[in-house]
C-alpha atoms as a PDB file:
ATOM      1  CA  MET A   1     146.733 166.990  69.020  1.00  0.00           C
ATOM      2  CA  ALA A   2     147.356 168.291  66.026  1.00  0.00           C
ATOM      3  CA  ALA A   3     149.919 171.192  65.146  1.00  0.00           C
ATOM      4  CA  SER A   4     148.654 174.143  64.575  1.00  0.00           C
ATOM      5  CA  PRO A   5     150.136 177.501  63.130  1.00  0.00           C
ATOM      6  CA  PRO A   6     152.271 179.610  65.810  1.00  0.00           C
ATOM      7  CA  LEU A   7     149.621 181.685  67.679  1.00  0.00           C
ATOM      8  CA  LEU A   8     149.994 185.268  69.244  1.00  0.00           C
ATOM      9  CA  ALA A   9     149.665 185.893  72.925  1.00  0.00           C
ATOM     10  CA  ILE A  10     149.135 189.256  74.336  1.00  0.00           C
ATOM     11  CA  ILE A  11     149.270 189.437  78.258  1.00  0.00           C
ATOM     12  CA  GLY A  12     149.199 192.140  80.875  1.00  0.00           C
ATOM     13  CA  PRO A  13     147.112 193.416  83.554  1.00  0.00           C
ATOM     14  CA  THR A  14     143.639 194.677  83.340  1.00  0.00           C
ATOM     15  CA  ALA A  15     143.439 198.534  81.571  1.00  0.00           C
ATOM     16  CA  SER A  16     146.798 197.608  79.976  1.00  0.00           C
ATOM     17  CA  GLY A  17     145.761 198.076  76.383  1.00  0.00           C
ATOM     18  CA  LYS A  18     146.186 194.484  75.534  1.00  0.00           C
ATOM     19  CA  SER A  19     142.514 194.573  73.649  1.00  0.00           C
ATOM     20  CA  GLU A  20     143.446 197.484  71.770  1.00  0.00           C
ATOM     21  CA  LEU A  21     146.975 196.243  70.549  1.00  0.00           C
ATOM     22  CA  ALA A  22     145.003 193.028  69.502  1.00  0.00           C
ATOM     23  CA  ALA A  23     142.496 194.897  67.915  1.00  0.00           C
ATOM     24  CA  ALA A  24     145.148 196.894  65.889  1.00  0.00           C
ATOM     25  CA  VAL A  25     147.630 194.033  65.287  1.00  0.00           C
ATOM     26  CA  ALA A  26     144.327 191.893  63.879  1.00  0.00           C
ATOM     27  CA  ARG A  27     143.351 194.562  61.737  1.00  0.00           C
ATOM     28  CA  ALA A  28     146.843 194.890  60.247  1.00  0.00           C
ATOM     29  CA  VAL A  29     147.007 191.162  59.323  1.00  0.00           C
ATOM     30  CA  GLY A  30     143.467 189.856  59.137  1.00  0.00           C
ATOM     31  CA  ALA A  31     143.457 187.973  62.273  1.00  0.00           C
ATOM     32  CA  GLU A  32     140.765 186.860  64.491  1.00  0.00           C
ATOM     33  CA  ILE A  33     140.766 187.175  68.763  1.00  0.00           C
ATOM     34  CA  LEU A  34     140.159 184.480  70.971  1.00  0.00           C
ATOM     35  CA  SER A  35     139.317 185.959  74.461  1.00  0.00           C
ATOM     36  CA  ALA A  36     140.886 184.407  77.656  1.00  0.00           C
ATOM     37  CA  ASP A  37     138.524 186.455  79.848  1.00  0.00           C
ATOM     38  CA  SER A  38     136.740 184.191  82.470  1.00  0.00           C
ATOM     39  CA  MET A  39     134.119 187.064  83.023  1.00  0.00           C
ATOM     40  CA  GLN A  40     133.988 187.873  79.307  1.00  0.00           C
ATOM     41  CA  VAL A  41     132.031 184.461  78.568  1.00  0.00           C
ATOM     42  CA  TYR A  42     128.995 185.913  80.254  1.00  0.00           C
ATOM     43  CA  ARG A  43     126.370 187.238  78.477  1.00  0.00           C
ATOM     44  CA  GLU A  44     124.847 190.645  79.103  1.00  0.00           C
ATOM     45  CA  MET A  45     127.845 191.221  81.356  1.00  0.00           C
ATOM     46  CA  ASP A  46     129.448 193.808  79.185  1.00  0.00           C
ATOM     47  CA  ILE A  47     130.228 197.190  80.593  1.00  0.00           C
ATOM     48  CA  GLY A  48     131.648 195.815  83.679  1.00  0.00           C
ATOM     49  CA  THR A  49     134.022 193.021  81.920  1.00  0.00           C
ATOM     50  CA  ALA A  50     135.141 195.568  79.362  1.00  0.00           C
ATOM     51  CA  LYS A  51     133.820 193.518  76.417  1.00  0.00           C
ATOM     52  CA  PRO A  52     134.635 194.599  72.993  1.00  0.00           C
ATOM     53  CA  THR A  53     131.953 196.824  71.539  1.00  0.00           C
ATOM     54  CA  ALA A  54     129.120 195.634  68.726  1.00  0.00           C
ATOM     55  CA  ALA A  55     131.456 197.800  66.571  1.00  0.00           C
ATOM     56  CA  GLU A  56     134.645 196.186  67.367  1.00  0.00           C
ATOM     57  CA  ARG A  57     132.859 192.787  67.325  1.00  0.00           C
ATOM     58  CA  ALA A  58     131.288 193.449  63.604  1.00  0.00           C
ATOM     59  CA  ALA A  59     134.967 194.628  62.458  1.00  0.00           C
ATOM     60  CA  ILE A  60     137.063 191.629  64.188  1.00  0.00           C
ATOM     61  CA  VAL A  61     135.665 188.090  64.758  1.00  0.00           C
ATOM     62  CA  HIS A  62     136.076 187.446  68.317  1.00  0.00           C
ATOM     63  CA  HIS A  63     135.637 183.860  70.025  1.00  0.00           C
ATOM     64  CA  LEU A  64     134.608 182.910  73.429  1.00  0.00           C
ATOM     65  CA  LEU A  65     132.688 185.760  74.634  1.00  0.00           C
ATOM     66  CA  ASP A  66     128.824 185.447  75.697  1.00  0.00           C
ATOM     67  CA  ILE A  67     128.799 181.985  75.602  1.00  0.00           C
ATOM     68  CA  VAL A  68     127.030 181.233  79.067  1.00  0.00           C
ATOM     69  CA  ASP A  69     124.432 183.023  80.743  1.00  0.00           C
ATOM     70  CA  PRO A  70     125.324 184.962  83.855  1.00  0.00           C
ATOM     71  CA  ASP A  71     123.296 182.585  86.456  1.00  0.00           C
ATOM     72  CA  GLN A  72     125.609 179.559  85.305  1.00  0.00           C
ATOM     73  CA  PRO A  73     129.004 178.441  86.314  1.00  0.00           C
ATOM     74  CA  PHE A  74     131.437 178.240  83.869  1.00  0.00           C
ATOM     75  CA  THR A  75     134.773 176.114  84.460  1.00  0.00           C
ATOM     76  CA  VAL A  76     138.807 176.244  83.197  1.00  0.00           C
ATOM     77  CA  ALA A  77     138.185 173.007  81.379  1.00  0.00           C
ATOM     78  CA  ARG A  78     134.997 174.031  79.256  1.00  0.00           C
ATOM     79  CA  PHE A  79     137.235 177.143  78.653  1.00  0.00           C
ATOM     80  CA  VAL A  80     140.068 174.647  77.313  1.00  0.00           C
ATOM     81  CA  GLU A  81     137.849 172.653  75.457  1.00  0.00           C
ATOM     82  CA  LEU A  82     135.928 175.535  73.599  1.00  0.00           C
ATOM     83  CA  ALA A  83     139.243 177.279  72.946  1.00  0.00           C
ATOM     84  CA  ASP A  84     141.362 174.157  71.319  1.00  0.00           C
ATOM     85  CA  ALA A  85     138.269 174.106  69.277  1.00  0.00           C
ATOM     86  CA  ALA A  86     138.341 177.406  67.981  1.00  0.00           C
ATOM     87  CA  ILE A  87     142.231 177.359  67.717  1.00  0.00           C
ATOM     88  CA  ALA A  88     141.623 174.270  65.496  1.00  0.00           C
ATOM     89  CA  ASP A  89     138.839 176.033  63.327  1.00  0.00           C
ATOM     90  CA  ALA A  90     141.152 178.890  62.796  1.00  0.00           C
ATOM     91  CA  ALA A  91     144.243 176.939  61.596  1.00  0.00           C
ATOM     92  CA  ALA A  92     142.119 174.535  59.144  1.00  0.00           C
ATOM     93  CA  ARG A  93     140.870 177.531  57.653  1.00  0.00           C
ATOM     94  CA  GLY A  94     144.618 179.335  57.616  1.00  0.00           C
ATOM     95  CA  VAL A  95     143.406 182.511  59.647  1.00  0.00           C
ATOM     96  CA  PRO A  96     145.973 184.177  62.215  1.00  0.00           C
ATOM     97  CA  LEU A  97     144.454 184.040  65.826  1.00  0.00           C
ATOM     98  CA  ILE A  98     145.547 186.320  68.712  1.00  0.00           C
ATOM     99  CA  VAL A  99     144.543 185.040  72.160  1.00  0.00           C
ATOM    100  CA  THR A 100     144.694 187.885  74.673  1.00  0.00           C
ATOM    101  CA  GLY A 101     142.724 188.609  77.828  1.00  0.00           C
ATOM    102  CA  GLY A 102     143.155 189.151  81.821  1.00  0.00           C
ATOM    103  CA  THR A 103     142.447 185.512  83.171  1.00  0.00           C
ATOM    104  CA  PRO A 104     146.205 184.099  83.660  1.00  0.00           C
ATOM    105  CA  LEU A 105     145.064 180.610  84.726  1.00  0.00           C
ATOM    106  CA  TYR A 106     142.923 180.480  81.478  1.00  0.00           C
ATOM    107  CA  PHE A 107     146.479 181.186  79.798  1.00  0.00           C
ATOM    108  CA  LYS A 108     148.330 178.691  81.737  1.00  0.00           C
ATOM    109  CA  ALA A 109     145.796 175.771  81.368  1.00  0.00           C
ATOM    110  CA  LEU A 110     145.419 176.359  77.421  1.00  0.00           C
ATOM    111  CA  PHE A 111     149.264 176.751  76.789  1.00  0.00           C
ATOM    112  CA  GLU A 112     150.443 174.599  79.558  1.00  0.00           C
ATOM    113  CA  GLY A 113     147.705 172.256  80.489  1.00  0.00           C
ATOM    114  CA  LEU A 114     145.292 171.512  83.433  1.00  0.00           C
ATOM    115  CA  PHE A 115     146.315 169.406  86.518  1.00  0.00           C
ATOM    116  CA  GLN A 116     144.671 165.881  86.118  1.00  0.00           C
ATOM    117  CA  GLY A 117     145.144 164.751  89.635  1.00  0.00           C
ATOM    118  CA  PRO A 118     145.371 161.550  91.121  1.00  0.00           C
ATOM    119  CA  PRO A 119     142.734 158.847  90.211  1.00  0.00           C
ATOM    120  CA  ALA A 120     139.851 158.489  91.861  1.00  0.00           C
ATOM    121  CA  ASP A 121     139.428 156.630  95.472  1.00  0.00           C
ATOM    122  CA  PRO A 122     136.181 154.898  95.159  1.00  0.00           C
ATOM    123  CA  ALA A 123     136.059 154.272  98.898  1.00  0.00           C
ATOM    124  CA  LEU A 124     137.647 157.594 100.222  1.00  0.00           C
ATOM    125  CA  ARG A 125     135.422 159.203  97.740  1.00  0.00           C
ATOM    126  CA  GLN A 126     132.097 157.016  99.136  1.00  0.00           C
ATOM    127  CA  ARG A 127     133.080 158.521 102.528  1.00  0.00           C
ATOM    128  CA  LEU A 128     133.302 161.887 101.424  1.00  0.00           C
ATOM    129  CA  MET A 129     129.940 161.991  99.550  1.00  0.00           C
ATOM    130  CA  ASP A 130     128.325 160.571 103.124  1.00  0.00           C
ATOM    131  CA  MET A 131     128.987 163.663 104.607  1.00  0.00           C
ATOM    132  CA  GLY A 132     126.654 166.741 104.052  1.00  0.00           C
ATOM    133  CA  GLY A 133     127.388 169.671 102.117  1.00  0.00           C
ATOM    134  CA  ALA A 134     128.025 171.761 105.150  1.00  0.00           C
ATOM    135  CA  GLU A 135     130.496 169.767 106.531  1.00  0.00           C
ATOM    136  CA  LEU A 136     132.415 169.293 103.210  1.00  0.00           C
ATOM    137  CA  HIS A 137     132.529 173.014 102.714  1.00  0.00           C
ATOM    138  CA  ALA A 138     134.151 173.253 106.358  1.00  0.00           C
ATOM    139  CA  ARG A 139     136.371 170.708 105.678  1.00  0.00           C
ATOM    140  CA  LEU A 140     137.416 172.077 102.614  1.00  0.00           C
ATOM    141  CA  SER A 141     137.677 175.474 103.857  1.00  0.00           C
ATOM    142  CA  ALA A 142     139.965 174.285 106.902  1.00  0.00           C
ATOM    143  CA  VAL A 143     142.333 172.620 104.260  1.00  0.00           C
ATOM    144  CA  ASP A 144     142.371 174.938 101.062  1.00  0.00           C
ATOM    145  CA  PRO A 145     140.522 177.996 101.844  1.00  0.00           C
ATOM    146  CA  GLN A 146     141.071 179.193  98.288  1.00  0.00           C
ATOM    147  CA  ALA A 147     139.440 176.312  96.783  1.00  0.00           C
ATOM    148  CA  ALA A 148     136.673 176.795  99.259  1.00  0.00           C
ATOM    149  CA  ALA A 149     136.104 180.245  98.300  1.00  0.00           C
ATOM    150  CA  ARG A 150     135.387 179.381  94.467  1.00  0.00           C
ATOM    151  CA  ILE A 151     133.437 176.198  94.785  1.00  0.00           C
ATOM    152  CA  HIS A 152     129.896 176.897  95.863  1.00  0.00           C
ATOM    153  CA  PRO A 153     128.557 174.781  99.084  1.00  0.00           C
ATOM    154  CA  ASN A 154     126.082 172.725  97.321  1.00  0.00           C
ATOM    155  CA  ASP A 155     128.361 171.566  94.490  1.00  0.00           C
ATOM    156  CA  ILE A 156     129.005 168.112  96.237  1.00  0.00           C
ATOM    157  CA  LYS A 157     131.275 166.764  93.036  1.00  0.00           C
ATOM    158  CA  ARG A 158     133.647 169.427  93.154  1.00  0.00           C
ATOM    159  CA  MET A 159     134.265 169.589  96.988  1.00  0.00           C
ATOM    160  CA  VAL A 160     134.396 166.103  96.789  1.00  0.00           C
ATOM    161  CA  ARG A 161     137.117 165.923  94.205  1.00  0.00           C
ATOM    162  CA  ALA A 162     139.125 168.789  95.996  1.00  0.00           C
ATOM    163  CA  LEU A 163     139.088 166.707  99.318  1.00  0.00           C
ATOM    164  CA  GLU A 164     140.169 163.898  97.609  1.00  0.00           C
ATOM    165  CA  VAL A 165     142.880 165.250  96.011  1.00  0.00           C
ATOM    166  CA  PHE A 166     144.033 166.748  99.459  1.00  0.00           C
ATOM    167  CA  GLU A 167     143.606 163.462 101.125  1.00  0.00           C
ATOM    168  CA  LEU A 168     145.751 161.543  98.547  1.00  0.00           C
ATOM    169  CA  THR A 169     148.548 164.097  97.666  1.00  0.00           C
ATOM    170  CA  GLY A 170     148.747 165.841 101.255  1.00  0.00           C
ATOM    171  CA  ARG A 171     148.361 169.383  98.935  1.00  0.00           C
ATOM    172  CA  PRO A 172     145.322 171.456  98.300  1.00  0.00           C
ATOM    173  CA  ILE A 173     143.915 171.108  94.527  1.00  0.00           C
ATOM    174  CA  SER A 174     144.497 175.076  94.480  1.00  0.00           C
ATOM    175  CA  ALA A 175     148.590 174.677  95.011  1.00  0.00           C
ATOM    176  CA  TRP A 176     148.288 171.600  92.181  1.00  0.00           C
ATOM    177  CA  GLN A 177     146.174 173.719  89.553  1.00  0.00           C
ATOM    178  CA  THR A 178     148.730 176.690  89.853  1.00  0.00           C
ATOM    179  CA  GLN A 179     152.276 174.609  89.905  1.00  0.00           C
ATOM    180  CA  TRP A 180     154.682 175.921  87.470  1.00  0.00           C
ATOM    181  CA  SER A 181     157.267 173.268  87.794  1.00  0.00           C
ATOM    182  CA  ALA A 182     157.970 171.294  83.854  1.00  0.00           C
ATOM    183  CA  PRO A 183     154.976 172.967  81.936  1.00  0.00           C
ATOM    184  CA  SER A 184     154.309 170.824  78.677  1.00  0.00           C
ATOM    185  CA  VAL A 185     153.428 173.112  75.431  1.00  0.00           C
ATOM    186  CA  ARG A 186     150.136 172.560  74.117  1.00  0.00           C
ATOM    187  CA  HIS A 187     149.891 175.431  71.348  1.00  0.00           C
ATOM    188  CA  ALA A 188     152.915 177.208  70.241  1.00  0.00           C
ATOM    189  CA  ALA A 189     152.944 180.816  70.466  1.00  0.00           C
ATOM    190  CA  THR A 190     154.434 184.044  70.130  1.00  0.00           C
ATOM    191  CA  TRP A 191     154.194 185.967  73.682  1.00  0.00           C
ATOM    192  CA  ILE A 192     153.785 189.825  73.890  1.00  0.00           C
ATOM    193  CA  GLY A 193     153.311 191.603  77.095  1.00  0.00           C
ATOM    194  CA  LEU A 194     152.064 195.356  78.031  1.00  0.00           C
ATOM    195  CA  MET A 195     154.369 196.572  80.871  1.00  0.00           C
ATOM    196  CA  TRP A 196     153.269 199.989  82.966  1.00  0.00           C
ATOM    197  CA  GLN A 197     154.596 201.654  86.063  1.00  0.00           C
ATOM    198  CA  ARG A 198     152.522 201.199  88.567  1.00  0.00           C
ATOM    199  CA  GLU A 199     151.293 204.810  89.259  1.00  0.00           C
ATOM    200  CA  GLN A 200     150.662 205.326  85.847  1.00  0.00           C
ATOM    201  CA  LEU A 201     148.626 201.922  85.508  1.00  0.00           C
ATOM    202  CA  ASN A 202     146.625 202.941  89.145  1.00  0.00           C
ATOM    203  CA  ARG A 203     145.825 206.170  87.044  1.00  0.00           C
ATOM    204  CA  ARG A 204     144.430 204.346  84.241  1.00  0.00           C
ATOM    205  CA  ILE A 205     142.520 201.932  86.154  1.00  0.00           C
ATOM    206  CA  ASN A 206     140.964 204.587  88.296  1.00  0.00           C
ATOM    207  CA  ALA A 207     139.900 206.519  84.974  1.00  0.00           C
ATOM    208  CA  ARG A 208     138.565 203.286  83.482  1.00  0.00           C
ATOM    209  CA  VAL A 209     136.554 202.599  86.362  1.00  0.00           C
ATOM    210  CA  ARG A 210     135.004 206.199  86.394  1.00  0.00           C
ATOM    211  CA  ALA A 211     134.247 205.544  82.488  1.00  0.00           C
ATOM    212  CA  MET A 212     132.579 202.264  83.166  1.00  0.00           C
ATOM    213  CA  LEU A 213     130.174 203.591  85.886  1.00  0.00           C
ATOM    214  CA  ALA A 214     129.255 206.671  83.601  1.00  0.00           C
ATOM    215  CA  ALA A 215     128.808 204.608  80.595  1.00  0.00           C
ATOM    216  CA  GLY A 216     126.255 202.682  82.955  1.00  0.00           C
ATOM    217  CA  TRP A 217     127.289 200.126  84.822  1.00  0.00           C
ATOM    218  CA  VAL A 218     125.007 200.385  87.309  1.00  0.00           C
ATOM    219  CA  ASP A 219     121.999 200.007  85.407  1.00  0.00           C
ATOM    220  CA  GLU A 220     123.626 196.780  83.657  1.00  0.00           C
ATOM    221  CA  THR A 221     123.626 195.551  87.260  1.00  0.00           C
ATOM    222  CA  ARG A 222     120.346 196.115  87.977  1.00  0.00           C
ATOM    223  CA  ARG A 223     119.135 194.432  84.903  1.00  0.00           C
ATOM    224  CA  LEU A 224     121.119 191.438  85.434  1.00  0.00           C
ATOM    225  CA  LEU A 225     119.671 190.871  88.791  1.00  0.00           C
ATOM    226  CA  GLN A 226     116.043 191.863  87.391  1.00  0.00           C
ATOM    227  CA  ARG A 227     116.471 189.129  85.031  1.00  0.00           C
ATOM    228  CA  TYR A 228     118.541 186.534  86.288  1.00  0.00           C
ATOM    229  CA  GLY A 229     117.746 186.953  90.241  1.00  0.00           C
ATOM    230  CA  ARG A 230     121.232 186.197  91.089  1.00  0.00           C
ATOM    231  CA  LEU A 231     124.957 185.803  89.533  1.00  0.00           C
ATOM    232  CA  SER A 232     126.536 182.662  89.544  1.00  0.00           C
ATOM    233  CA  HIS A 233     129.421 181.963  91.915  1.00  0.00           C
ATOM    234  CA  THR A 234     132.091 182.471  89.227  1.00  0.00           C
ATOM    235  CA  ALA A 235     130.377 185.273  87.410  1.00  0.00           C
ATOM    236  CA  ALA A 236     129.943 186.948  90.761  1.00  0.00           C
ATOM    237  CA  GLU A 237     133.677 187.096  91.114  1.00  0.00           C
ATOM    238  CA  ALA A 238     134.120 189.974  88.115  1.00  0.00           C
ATOM    239  CA  THR A 239     135.566 192.692  89.936  1.00  0.00           C
ATOM    240  CA  GLY A 240     133.195 195.463  90.340  1.00  0.00           C
ATOM    241  CA  TYR A 241     129.699 193.532  90.063  1.00  0.00           C
ATOM    242  CA  ARG A 242     129.450 192.844  94.162  1.00  0.00           C
ATOM    243  CA  GLN A 243     130.324 196.294  94.999  1.00  0.00           C
ATOM    244  CA  ILE A 244     127.719 197.540  92.379  1.00  0.00           C
ATOM    245  CA  MET A 245     125.210 195.093  94.307  1.00  0.00           C
ATOM    246  CA  GLU A 246     126.138 195.957  97.686  1.00  0.00           C
ATOM    247  CA  HIS A 247     125.483 199.702  96.198  1.00  0.00           C
ATOM    248  CA  LEU A 248     121.870 198.701  94.677  1.00  0.00           C
ATOM    249  CA  ALA A 249     120.678 197.006  98.184  1.00  0.00           C
ATOM    250  CA  GLY A 250     121.508 200.305  99.811  1.00  0.00           C
ATOM    251  CA  ARG A 251     124.839 199.065 101.816  1.00  0.00           C
ATOM    252  CA  LEU A 252     127.149 201.403  99.930  1.00  0.00           C
ATOM    253  CA  SER A 253     126.757 204.658  98.528  1.00  0.00           C
ATOM    254  CA  LEU A 254     127.749 205.210  94.634  1.00  0.00           C
ATOM    255  CA  GLU A 255     131.010 206.727  95.583  1.00  0.00           C
ATOM    256  CA  GLU A 256     132.039 204.486  98.399  1.00  0.00           C
ATOM    257  CA  ALA A 257     131.238 201.351  95.943  1.00  0.00           C
ATOM    258  CA  ALA A 258     133.289 203.300  93.091  1.00  0.00           C
ATOM    259  CA  GLU A 259     136.328 203.617  95.491  1.00  0.00           C
ATOM    260  CA  GLN A 260     136.050 199.784  96.525  1.00  0.00           C
ATOM    261  CA  ILE A 261     136.117 199.115  92.838  1.00  0.00           C
ATOM    262  CA  LYS A 262     139.229 201.193  91.955  1.00  0.00           C
ATOM    263  CA  ILE A 263     140.700 199.489  94.782  1.00  0.00           C
ATOM    264  CA  ALA A 264     139.994 195.869  94.131  1.00  0.00           C
ATOM    265  CA  THR A 265     140.967 196.630  90.415  1.00  0.00           C
ATOM    266  CA  ARG A 266     144.519 197.687  91.449  1.00  0.00           C
ATOM    267  CA  GLN A 267     144.554 194.540  93.372  1.00  0.00           C
ATOM    268  CA  LEU A 268     143.545 192.568  90.553  1.00  0.00           C
ATOM    269  CA  ALA A 269     146.328 194.099  88.459  1.00  0.00           C
ATOM    270  CA  ARG A 270     148.926 193.055  91.063  1.00  0.00           C
ATOM    271  CA  ARG A 271     147.793 189.917  90.935  1.00  0.00           C
ATOM    272  CA  GLN A 272     147.427 189.379  87.250  1.00  0.00           C
ATOM    273  CA  MET A 273     151.252 190.509  86.894  1.00  0.00           C
ATOM    274  CA  LYS A 274     152.592 188.141  89.266  1.00  0.00           C
ATOM    275  CA  TRP A 275     150.806 185.457  87.409  1.00  0.00           C
ATOM    276  CA  PHE A 276     152.420 186.852  84.294  1.00  0.00           C
ATOM    277  CA  ARG A 277     155.438 187.178  84.932  1.00  0.00           C
ATOM    278  CA  ARG A 278     156.039 183.604  85.644  1.00  0.00           C
ATOM    279  CA  PHE A 279     155.331 182.823  81.793  1.00  0.00           C
ATOM    280  CA  ALA A 280     158.598 182.344  79.895  1.00  0.00           C
ATOM    281  CA  ASN A 281     159.688 183.846  76.568  1.00  0.00           C
ATOM    282  CA  VAL A 282     157.589 186.887  77.136  1.00  0.00           C
ATOM    283  CA  ARG A 283     158.380 190.237  74.971  1.00  0.00           C
ATOM    284  CA  TRP A 284     157.879 192.905  77.163  1.00  0.00           C
ATOM    285  CA  LEU A 285     156.704 195.990  75.690  1.00  0.00           C
ATOM    286  CA  ALA A 286     156.606 199.709  77.092  1.00  0.00           C
ATOM    287  CA  GLY A 287     152.274 200.113  77.751  1.00  0.00           C
ATOM    288  CA  ASP A 288     152.809 203.795  77.261  1.00  0.00           C
ATOM    289  CA  ALA A 289     154.976 203.674  73.939  1.00  0.00           C
ATOM    290  CA  PRO A 290     152.724 204.585  70.743  1.00  0.00           C
ATOM    291  CA  LEU A 291     150.336 201.918  69.685  1.00  0.00           C
ATOM    292  CA  GLU A 292     151.803 202.261  66.397  1.00  0.00           C
ATOM    293  CA  ALA A 293     155.437 201.589  67.391  1.00  0.00           C
ATOM    294  CA  ASN A 294     153.848 198.278  69.606  1.00  0.00           C
ATOM    295  CA  VAL A 295     152.083 197.210  66.795  1.00  0.00           C
ATOM    296  CA  ARG A 296     154.748 197.027  64.303  1.00  0.00           C
ATOM    297  CA  ALA A 297     157.287 195.333  66.909  1.00  0.00           C
ATOM    298  CA  VAL A 298     154.878 192.685  67.327  1.00  0.00           C
ATOM    299  CA  LEU A 299     154.170 192.160  63.926  1.00  0.00           C
ATOM    300  CA  ALA A 300     158.102 191.774  63.663  1.00  0.00           C
ATOM    301  CA  ALA A 301     158.102 189.107  66.558  1.00  0.00           C
ATOM    302  CA  TRP A 302     155.317 187.081  64.917  1.00  0.00           C
ATOM    303  CA  ALA A 303     156.346 187.310  61.447  1.00  0.00           C
ATOM    304  CA  ALA A 304     159.591 185.695  62.457  1.00  0.00           C
ATOM    305  CA  VAL A 305     158.026 182.481  63.484  1.00  0.00           C
ATOM    306  CA  ARG A 306     155.221 182.211  61.243  1.00  0.00           C
END
């Protein structure tokens, strides 16, 4: 892969202010923004994914937003393919690029690479293919519950590959995909993280959930269901939409759904930070520091390597 100018990666948990910081830095240097968010790729899922507004996108070029309908699946491999192309294009144009978002696996895959796995075993693969989808999913649930939770029972190809990897290596594919030993470096980057005290972040999360509901999140979800009938398995993983769909089905009050969304979002933030702390060479900034101070710190760190 051809070398490109160092990127700026801004990471942190949900509601930490990543997007605001990235936008401020982009305005200061004329940069563009590459989204590393697994849910902002979906069209019409705007409020619930905290997607940049139309005005924000008019002011700053954003990449990898609104690229697939919400009833379609989207893979990490596809993200890497499209992100690599965006990075190469920005480098060719001499435009600085900021990568930001809340999906740690996207960062890992983009900057360190995806697990390729052992080569296919034709005999093993055929034996697995001869099984029905229900049996494949049951077997996968037994050996790799994490993979089974994200692979649809009708997705025979992915279930067969996951079981093939397990049988050939003795380890579940989900463990291989999150391994952190001996990472490669696919793109040079300056890494900045936003850190918050847990209680402060929890208050921000609670306030943001309230604001998103007030902005019409329930109506957005209703429109999605009316237009598409259902969300794809991957799109349905977006925090909050499941709870709102339960509310629309009459199984949760709006107040119950809101509380469950707050809890789920706080849990998501903790998982994100567990992942993000594993990245090396991250300069962590206080999330509650003045925005202008954090912008100056980011610009100084980025300029030092550009």
